[in-house]
């Protein structure tokens, strides 16, 4: 199971999302990637997060995940990309 990113509690939502993006980019564990992408997908359902997701280029991360061999990552990317682009 993926560990929660180590984030200073005072950095706020942007800092937490940045930590998730960094963890996704740096981890070699497929399980961790799935967990982090699922967390990012959950944040994408809240319109209040859109500015942060765009700033961190999370939409590109979802698009890049479409070419992964891991079907779970592809499914998260497909499900979430439509939500982020509405």
PDB file of N, CA and C in Angstrom:
ATOM      1  N   UNK A   1       0.839  -1.172   0.000  1.00  0.00           N
ATOM      2  CA  UNK A   1       0.000   0.000   0.000  1.00  0.00           C
ATOM      3  C   UNK A   1       0.889   1.243   0.000  1.00  0.00           C
ATOM      4  N   UNK A   2       0.477   2.248  -0.761  1.00  0.00           N
ATOM      5  CA  UNK A   2       1.246   3.480  -0.859  1.00  0.00           C
ATOM      6  C   UNK A   2       1.156   4.264   0.442  1.00  0.00           C
ATOM      7  N   UNK A   3       2.280   4.850   0.797  1.00  0.00           N
ATOM      8  CA  UNK A   3       2.282   5.705   1.977  1.00  0.00           C
ATOM      9  C   UNK A   3       1.814   7.093   1.568  1.00  0.00           C
ATOM     10  N   UNK A   4       1.228   7.815   2.507  1.00  0.00           N
ATOM     11  CA  UNK A   4       0.827   9.188   2.231  1.00  0.00           C
ATOM     12  C   UNK A   4       2.081  10.022   2.005  1.00  0.00           C
ATOM     13  N   UNK A   5       2.002  10.969   1.069  1.00  0.00           N
ATOM     14  CA  UNK A   5       3.160  11.832   0.861  1.00  0.00           C
ATOM     15  C   UNK A   5       3.484  12.608   2.123  1.00  0.00           C
ATOM     16  N   UNK A   6       4.769  12.833   2.339  1.00  0.00           N
ATOM     17  CA  UNK A   6       5.189  13.603   3.506  1.00  0.00           C
ATOM     18  C   UNK A   6       5.044  15.081   3.170  1.00  0.00           C
ATOM     19  N   UNK A   7       4.055  15.712   3.775  1.00  0.00           N
ATOM     20  CA  UNK A   7       3.747  17.110   3.484  1.00  0.00           C
ATOM     21  C   UNK A   7       3.612  17.866   4.790  1.00  0.00           C
ATOM     22  N   UNK A   8       4.214  19.025   4.820  1.00  0.00           N
ATOM     23  CA  UNK A   8       4.044  19.929   5.953  1.00  0.00           C
ATOM     24  C   UNK A   8       2.568  20.321   6.007  1.00  0.00           C
ATOM     25  N   UNK A   9       1.909  20.163   7.149  1.00  0.00           N
ATOM     26  CA  UNK A   9       0.480  20.468   7.221  1.00  0.00           C
ATOM     27  C   UNK A   9       0.144  21.928   6.919  1.00  0.00           C
ATOM     28  N   UNK A  10       1.125  22.778   6.854  1.00  0.00           N
ATOM     29  CA  UNK A  10       0.889  24.199   6.626  1.00  0.00           C
ATOM     30  C   UNK A  10       1.010  24.592   5.152  1.00  0.00           C
ATOM     31  N   UNK A  11       1.303  23.631   4.263  1.00  0.00           N
ATOM     32  CA  UNK A  11       1.485  23.990   2.859  1.00  0.00           C
ATOM     33  C   UNK A  11       0.169  24.075   2.101  1.00  0.00           C
ATOM     34  N   UNK A  12      -0.890  23.546   2.652  1.00  0.00           N
ATOM     35  CA  UNK A  12      -2.195  23.663   2.031  1.00  0.00           C
ATOM     36  C   UNK A  12      -2.436  22.666   0.912  1.00  0.00           C
ATOM     37  N   UNK A  13      -3.544  22.878   0.236  1.00  0.00           N
ATOM     38  CA  UNK A  13      -3.990  21.951  -0.795  1.00  0.00           C
ATOM     39  C   UNK A  13      -3.016  21.882  -1.969  1.00  0.00           C
ATOM     40  N   UNK A  14      -2.516  23.033  -2.411  1.00  0.00           N
ATOM     41  CA  UNK A  14      -1.574  23.037  -3.527  1.00  0.00           C
ATOM     42  C   UNK A  14      -0.337  22.219  -3.196  1.00  0.00           C
ATOM     43  N   UNK A  15       0.183  22.395  -2.005  1.00  0.00           N
ATOM     44  CA  UNK A  15       1.367  21.639  -1.591  1.00  0.00           C
ATOM     45  C   UNK A  15       1.094  20.152  -1.519  1.00  0.00           C
ATOM     46  N   UNK A  16      -0.082  19.789  -1.040  1.00  0.00           N
ATOM     47  CA  UNK A  16      -0.442  18.375  -0.957  1.00  0.00           C
ATOM     48  C   UNK A  16      -0.564  17.775  -2.355  1.00  0.00           C
ATOM     49  N   UNK A  17      -1.228  18.495  -3.261  1.00  0.00           N
ATOM     50  CA  UNK A  17      -1.361  18.002  -4.634  1.00  0.00           C
ATOM     51  C   UNK A  17       0.001  17.902  -5.303  1.00  0.00           C
ATOM     52  N   UNK A  18       0.884  18.867  -5.040  1.00  0.00           N
ATOM     53  CA  UNK A  18       2.240  18.808  -5.604  1.00  0.00           C
ATOM     54  C   UNK A  18       2.971  17.570  -5.098  1.00  0.00           C
ATOM     55  N   UNK A  19       2.801  17.251  -3.831  1.00  0.00           N
ATOM     56  CA  UNK A  19       3.440  16.061  -3.266  1.00  0.00           C
ATOM     57  C   UNK A  19       2.911  14.792  -3.934  1.00  0.00           C
ATOM     58  N   UNK A  20       1.608  14.755  -4.227  1.00  0.00           N
ATOM     59  CA  UNK A  20       1.040  13.601  -4.923  1.00  0.00           C
ATOM     60  C   UNK A  20       1.616  13.464  -6.332  1.00  0.00           C
ATOM     61  N   UNK A  21       1.694  14.575  -7.045  1.00  0.00           N
ATOM     62  CA  UNK A  21       2.249  14.549  -8.401  1.00  0.00           C
ATOM     63  C   UNK A  21       3.698  14.074  -8.372  1.00  0.00           C
ATOM     64  N   UNK A  22       4.464  14.600  -7.448  1.00  0.00           N
ATOM     65  CA  UNK A  22       5.874  14.200  -7.325  1.00  0.00           C
ATOM     66  C   UNK A  22       5.988  12.723  -7.001  1.00  0.00           C
ATOM     67  N   UNK A  23       5.165  12.248  -6.091  1.00  0.00           N
ATOM     68  CA  UNK A  23       5.208  10.822  -5.741  1.00  0.00           C
ATOM     69  C   UNK A  23       4.867   9.968  -6.956  1.00  0.00           C
ATOM     70  N   UNK A  24       3.848  10.367  -7.710  1.00  0.00           N
ATOM     71  CA  UNK A  24       3.468   9.605  -8.906  1.00  0.00           C
ATOM     72  C   UNK A  24       4.629   9.547  -9.889  1.00  0.00           C
ATOM     73  N   UNK A  25       5.312  10.647 -10.081  1.00  0.00           N
ATOM     74  CA  UNK A  25       6.401  10.715 -11.056  1.00  0.00           C
ATOM     75  C   UNK A  25       7.643   9.960 -10.609  1.00  0.00           C
ATOM     76  N   UNK A  26       7.849   9.852  -9.315  1.00  0.00           N
ATOM     77  CA  UNK A  26       9.090   9.267  -8.809  1.00  0.00           C
ATOM     78  C   UNK A  26       8.983   7.798  -8.409  1.00  0.00           C
ATOM     79  N   UNK A  27       7.785   7.325  -8.100  1.00  0.00           N
ATOM     80  CA  UNK A  27       7.665   5.961  -7.598  1.00  0.00           C
ATOM     81  C   UNK A  27       7.834   4.941  -8.715  1.00  0.00           C
ATOM     82  N   UNK A  28       8.377   3.809  -8.371  1.00  0.00           N
ATOM     83  CA  UNK A  28       8.507   2.687  -9.301  1.00  0.00           C
ATOM     84  C   UNK A  28       7.404   1.660  -9.055  1.00  0.00           C
ATOM     85  N   UNK A  29       6.710   1.780  -7.942  1.00  0.00           N
ATOM     86  CA  UNK A  29       5.672   0.826  -7.548  1.00  0.00           C
ATOM     87  C   UNK A  29       4.380   1.093  -8.307  1.00  0.00           C
ATOM     88  N   UNK A  30       3.876   0.087  -9.003  1.00  0.00           N
ATOM     89  CA  UNK A  30       2.611   0.228  -9.720  1.00  0.00           C
ATOM     90  C   UNK A  30       1.452   0.426  -8.738  1.00  0.00           C
ATOM     91  N   UNK A  31       1.503  -0.249  -7.599  1.00  0.00           N
ATOM     92  CA  UNK A  31       0.461  -0.077  -6.588  1.00  0.00           C
ATOM     93  C   UNK A  31       0.422   1.371  -6.093  1.00  0.00           C
ATOM     94  N   UNK A  32       1.589   1.939  -5.857  1.00  0.00           N
ATOM     95  CA  UNK A  32       1.651   3.327  -5.394  1.00  0.00           C
ATOM     96  C   UNK A  32       1.128   4.268  -6.467  1.00  0.00           C
ATOM     97  N   UNK A  33       1.489   4.009  -7.729  1.00  0.00           N
ATOM     98  CA  UNK A  33       0.990   4.848  -8.825  1.00  0.00           C
ATOM     99  C   UNK A  33      -0.534   4.799  -8.896  1.00  0.00           C
ATOM    100  N   UNK A  34      -1.090   3.604  -8.739  1.00  0.00           N
ATOM    101  CA  UNK A  34      -2.546   3.464  -8.772  1.00  0.00           C
ATOM    102  C   UNK A  34      -3.196   4.259  -7.644  1.00  0.00           C
ATOM    103  N   UNK A  35      -2.629   4.149  -6.452  1.00  0.00           N
ATOM    104  CA  UNK A  35      -3.187   4.852  -5.293  1.00  0.00           C
ATOM    105  C   UNK A  35      -3.106   6.362  -5.475  1.00  0.00           C
ATOM    106  N   UNK A  36      -1.965   6.836  -5.946  1.00  0.00           N
ATOM    107  CA  UNK A  36      -1.783   8.279  -6.112  1.00  0.00           C
ATOM    108  C   UNK A  36      -2.703   8.803  -7.216  1.00  0.00           C
ATOM    109  N   UNK A  37      -2.800   8.077  -8.336  1.00  0.00           N
ATOM    110  CA  UNK A  37      -3.673   8.537  -9.408  1.00  0.00           C
ATOM    111  C   UNK A  37      -5.134   8.528  -8.963  1.00  0.00           C
ATOM    112  N   UNK A  38      -5.503   7.546  -8.151  1.00  0.00           N
ATOM    113  CA  UNK A  38      -6.860   7.514  -7.597  1.00  0.00           C
ATOM    114  C   UNK A  38      -7.099   8.732  -6.702  1.00  0.00           C
ATOM    115  N   UNK A  39      -6.110   9.089  -5.901  1.00  0.00           N
ATOM    116  CA  UNK A  39      -6.241  10.279  -5.044  1.00  0.00           C
ATOM    117  C   UNK A  39      -6.387  11.541  -5.884  1.00  0.00           C
ATOM    118  N   UNK A  40      -5.575  11.665  -6.921  1.00  0.00           N
ATOM    119  CA  UNK A  40      -5.675  12.827  -7.796  1.00  0.00           C
ATOM    120  C   UNK A  40      -7.024  12.854  -8.503  1.00  0.00           C
ATOM    121  N   UNK A  41      -7.511  11.690  -8.886  1.00  0.00           N
ATOM    122  CA  UNK A  41      -8.825  11.610  -9.532  1.00  0.00           C
ATOM    123  C   UNK A  41      -9.915  12.105  -8.584  1.00  0.00           C
ATOM    124  N   UNK A  42      -9.825  11.739  -7.329  1.00  0.00           N
ATOM    125  CA  UNK A  42     -10.813  12.205  -6.347  1.00  0.00           C
ATOM    126  C   UNK A  42     -10.785  13.725  -6.208  1.00  0.00           C
ATOM    127  N   UNK A  43      -9.604  14.313  -6.228  1.00  0.00           N
ATOM    128  CA  UNK A  43      -9.501  15.763  -6.148  1.00  0.00           C
ATOM    129  C   UNK A  43     -10.094  16.430  -7.387  1.00  0.00           C
ATOM    130  N   UNK A  44     -10.079  15.730  -8.514  1.00  0.00           N
ATOM    131  CA  UNK A  44     -10.574  16.306  -9.767  1.00  0.00           C
ATOM    132  C   UNK A  44     -12.087  16.495  -9.760  1.00  0.00           C
ATOM    133  N   UNK A  45     -12.786  15.823  -8.879  1.00  0.00           N
ATOM    134  CA  UNK A  45     -14.245  15.960  -8.832  1.00  0.00           C
ATOM    135  C   UNK A  45     -14.701  17.227  -8.125  1.00  0.00           C
ATOM    136  N   UNK A  46     -13.794  17.927  -7.480  1.00  0.00           N
ATOM    137  CA  UNK A  46     -14.128  19.170  -6.775  1.00  0.00           C
ATOM    138  C   UNK A  46     -13.675  20.351  -7.633  1.00  0.00           C
ATOM    139  N   UNK A  47     -14.616  21.118  -8.178  1.00  0.00           N
ATOM    140  CA  UNK A  47     -14.236  22.252  -9.030  1.00  0.00           C
ATOM    141  C   UNK A  47     -13.288  23.247  -8.345  1.00  0.00           C
ATOM    142  N   UNK A  48     -13.291  23.274  -7.034  1.00  0.00           N
ATOM    143  CA  UNK A  48     -12.376  24.150  -6.314  1.00  0.00           C
ATOM    144  C   UNK A  48     -10.913  23.780  -6.498  1.00  0.00           C
ATOM    145  N   UNK A  49     -10.669  22.576  -6.986  1.00  0.00           N
ATOM    146  CA  UNK A  49      -9.288  22.117  -7.188  1.00  0.00           C
ATOM    147  C   UNK A  49      -8.790  22.341  -8.609  1.00  0.00           C
ATOM    148  N   UNK A  50      -9.671  22.734  -9.520  1.00  0.00           N
ATOM    149  CA  UNK A  50      -9.285  22.821 -10.930  1.00  0.00           C
ATOM    150  C   UNK A  50      -8.075  23.715 -11.158  1.00  0.00           C
ATOM    151  N   UNK A  51      -8.044  24.876 -10.499  1.00  0.00           N
ATOM    152  CA  UNK A  51      -6.912  25.783 -10.717  1.00  0.00           C
ATOM    153  C   UNK A  51      -5.595  25.126 -10.301  1.00  0.00           C
ATOM    154  N   UNK A  52      -5.617  24.364  -9.215  1.00  0.00           N
ATOM    155  CA  UNK A  52      -4.402  23.692  -8.761  1.00  0.00           C
ATOM    156  C   UNK A  52      -4.009  22.566  -9.714  1.00  0.00           C
ATOM    157  N   UNK A  53      -5.006  21.803 -10.153  1.00  0.00           N
ATOM    158  CA  UNK A  53      -4.730  20.697 -11.064  1.00  0.00           C
ATOM    159  C   UNK A  53      -4.150  21.210 -12.373  1.00  0.00           C
ATOM    160  N   UNK A  54      -4.675  22.327 -12.856  1.00  0.00           N
ATOM    161  CA  UNK A  54      -4.136  22.912 -14.090  1.00  0.00           C
ATOM    162  C   UNK A  54      -2.720  23.442 -13.861  1.00  0.00           C
ATOM    163  N   UNK A  55      -2.529  24.110 -12.751  1.00  0.00           N
ATOM    164  CA  UNK A  55      -1.208  24.658 -12.433  1.00  0.00           C
ATOM    165  C   UNK A  55      -0.150  23.560 -12.368  1.00  0.00           C
ATOM    166  N   UNK A  56      -0.525  22.420 -11.818  1.00  0.00           N
ATOM    167  CA  UNK A  56       0.407  21.304 -11.655  1.00  0.00           C
ATOM    168  C   UNK A  56       0.439  20.390 -12.879  1.00  0.00           C
ATOM    169  N   UNK A  57      -0.317  20.731 -13.901  1.00  0.00           N
ATOM    170  CA  UNK A  57      -0.379  19.971 -15.152  1.00  0.00           C
ATOM    171  C   UNK A  57      -0.818  18.523 -14.929  1.00  0.00           C
ATOM    172  N   UNK A  58      -1.766  18.362 -14.018  1.00  0.00           N
ATOM    173  CA  UNK A  58      -2.290  17.033 -13.729  1.00  0.00           C
ATOM    174  C   UNK A  58      -3.054  16.475 -14.922  1.00  0.00           C
ATOM    175  N   UNK A  59      -3.659  17.343 -15.729  1.00  0.00           N
ATOM    176  CA  UNK A  59      -4.340  16.863 -16.929  1.00  0.00           C
ATOM    177  C   UNK A  59      -3.358  16.140 -17.849  1.00  0.00           C
ATOM    178  N   UNK A  60      -2.148  16.676 -17.971  1.00  0.00           N
ATOM    179  CA  UNK A  60      -1.126  16.013 -18.782  1.00  0.00           C
ATOM    180  C   UNK A  60      -0.726  14.671 -18.178  1.00  0.00           C
ATOM    181  N   UNK A  61      -0.698  14.618 -16.859  1.00  0.00           N
ATOM    182  CA  UNK A  61      -0.367  13.372 -16.177  1.00  0.00           C
ATOM    183  C   UNK A  61      -1.421  12.303 -16.505  1.00  0.00           C
ATOM    184  N   UNK A  62      -2.708  12.705 -16.490  1.00  0.00           N
ATOM    185  CA  UNK A  62      -3.766  11.762 -16.853  1.00  0.00           C
ATOM    186  C   UNK A  62      -3.630  11.336 -18.316  1.00  0.00           C
ATOM    187  N   UNK A  63      -3.344  12.288 -19.186  1.00  0.00           N
ATOM    188  CA  UNK A  63      -3.170  11.949 -20.605  1.00  0.00           C
ATOM    189  C   UNK A  63      -1.996  10.997 -20.806  1.00  0.00           C
ATOM    190  N   UNK A  64      -0.892  11.258 -20.131  1.00  0.00           N
ATOM    191  CA  UNK A  64       0.270  10.372 -20.232  1.00  0.00           C
ATOM    192  C   UNK A  64      -0.056   8.971 -19.735  1.00  0.00           C
ATOM    193  N   UNK A  65      -0.937   8.892 -18.751  1.00  0.00           N
ATOM    194  CA  UNK A  65      -1.304   7.585 -18.185  1.00  0.00           C
ATOM    195  C   UNK A  65      -2.086   6.728 -19.176  1.00  0.00           C
ATOM    196  N   UNK A  66      -2.655   7.351 -20.198  1.00  0.00           N
ATOM    197  CA  UNK A  66      -3.397   6.585 -21.211  1.00  0.00           C
ATOM    198  C   UNK A  66      -2.490   5.624 -21.976  1.00  0.00           C
ATOM    199  N   UNK A  67      -1.205   5.898 -22.009  1.00  0.00           N
ATOM    200  CA  UNK A  67      -0.276   5.028 -22.739  1.00  0.00           C
ATOM    201  C   UNK A  67       0.399   3.991 -21.835  1.00  0.00           C
ATOM    202  N   UNK A  68       0.000   3.936 -20.580  1.00  0.00           N
ATOM    203  CA  UNK A  68       0.566   2.958 -19.648  1.00  0.00           C
ATOM    204  C   UNK A  68       0.064   1.551 -19.978  1.00  0.00           C
ATOM    205  N   UNK A  69       0.848   0.558 -19.656  1.00  0.00           N
ATOM    206  CA  UNK A  69       0.424  -0.827 -19.819  1.00  0.00           C
ATOM    207  C   UNK A  69      -0.520  -1.254 -18.703  1.00  0.00           C
ATOM    208  N   UNK A  70      -0.469  -0.560 -17.591  1.00  0.00           N
ATOM    209  CA  UNK A  70      -1.312  -0.852 -16.436  1.00  0.00           C
ATOM    210  C   UNK A  70      -2.739  -0.393 -16.730  1.00  0.00           C
ATOM    211  N   UNK A  71      -3.652  -1.334 -16.884  1.00  0.00           N
ATOM    212  CA  UNK A  71      -5.030  -1.017 -17.256  1.00  0.00           C
ATOM    213  C   UNK A  71      -5.749  -0.177 -16.206  1.00  0.00           C
ATOM    214  N   UNK A  72      -5.401  -0.350 -14.953  1.00  0.00           N
ATOM    215  CA  UNK A  72      -6.031   0.446 -13.894  1.00  0.00           C
ATOM    216  C   UNK A  72      -5.691   1.918 -14.061  1.00  0.00           C
ATOM    217  N   UNK A  73      -4.439   2.223 -14.378  1.00  0.00           N
ATOM    218  CA  UNK A  73      -4.046   3.614 -14.594  1.00  0.00           C
ATOM    219  C   UNK A  73      -4.782   4.201 -15.795  1.00  0.00           C
ATOM    220  N   UNK A  74      -4.917   3.405 -16.841  1.00  0.00           N
ATOM    221  CA  UNK A  74      -5.629   3.861 -18.039  1.00  0.00           C
ATOM    222  C   UNK A  74      -7.085   4.164 -17.694  1.00  0.00           C
ATOM    223  N   UNK A  75      -7.716   3.286 -16.928  1.00  0.00           N
ATOM    224  CA  UNK A  75      -9.118   3.507 -16.551  1.00  0.00           C
ATOM    225  C   UNK A  75      -9.286   4.773 -15.697  1.00  0.00           C
ATOM    226  N   UNK A  76      -8.391   4.982 -14.731  1.00  0.00           N
ATOM    227  CA  UNK A  76      -8.452   6.206 -13.923  1.00  0.00           C
ATOM    228  C   UNK A  76      -8.310   7.431 -14.816  1.00  0.00           C
ATOM    229  N   UNK A  77      -7.379   7.354 -15.753  1.00  0.00           N
ATOM    230  CA  UNK A  77      -7.125   8.493 -16.635  1.00  0.00           C
ATOM    231  C   UNK A  77      -8.340   8.804 -17.498  1.00  0.00           C
ATOM    232  N   UNK A  78      -8.959   7.778 -18.056  1.00  0.00           N
ATOM    233  CA  UNK A  78     -10.141   7.977 -18.905  1.00  0.00           C
ATOM    234  C   UNK A  78     -11.295   8.560 -18.101  1.00  0.00           C
ATOM    235  N   UNK A  79     -11.564   7.966 -16.954  1.00  0.00           N
ATOM    236  CA  UNK A  79     -12.670   8.420 -16.117  1.00  0.00           C
ATOM    237  C   UNK A  79     -12.497   9.859 -15.644  1.00  0.00           C
ATOM    238  N   UNK A  80     -11.265  10.214 -15.317  1.00  0.00           N
ATOM    239  CA  UNK A  80     -11.012  11.510 -14.706  1.00  0.00           C
ATOM    240  C   UNK A  80     -10.821  12.606 -15.727  1.00  0.00           C
ATOM    241  N   UNK A  81     -10.216  12.298 -16.860  1.00  0.00           N
ATOM    242  CA  UNK A  81      -9.934  13.353 -17.838  1.00  0.00           C
ATOM    243  C   UNK A  81     -11.222  14.067 -18.254  1.00  0.00           C
ATOM    244  N   UNK A  82     -12.289  13.329 -18.462  1.00  0.00           N
ATOM    245  CA  UNK A  82     -13.560  13.947 -18.829  1.00  0.00           C
ATOM    246  C   UNK A  82     -14.083  14.876 -17.758  1.00  0.00           C
ATOM    247  N   UNK A  83     -13.847  14.538 -16.514  1.00  0.00           N
ATOM    248  CA  UNK A  83     -14.284  15.369 -15.403  1.00  0.00           C
ATOM    249  C   UNK A  83     -13.509  16.684 -15.366  1.00  0.00           C
ATOM    250  N   UNK A  84     -12.221  16.609 -15.648  1.00  0.00           N
ATOM    251  CA  UNK A  84     -11.357  17.798 -15.553  1.00  0.00           C
ATOM    252  C   UNK A  84     -11.552  18.752 -16.721  1.00  0.00           C
ATOM    253  N   UNK A  85     -12.073  18.269 -17.818  1.00  0.00           N
ATOM    254  CA  UNK A  85     -12.160  19.119 -18.999  1.00  0.00           C
ATOM    255  C   UNK A  85     -13.534  19.726 -19.192  1.00  0.00           C
ATOM    256  N   UNK A  86     -14.453  19.425 -18.303  1.00  0.00           N
ATOM    257  CA  UNK A  86     -15.822  19.957 -18.427  1.00  0.00           C
ATOM    258  C   UNK A  86     -15.836  21.441 -18.143  1.00  0.00           C
TER     259      UNK A  86
END
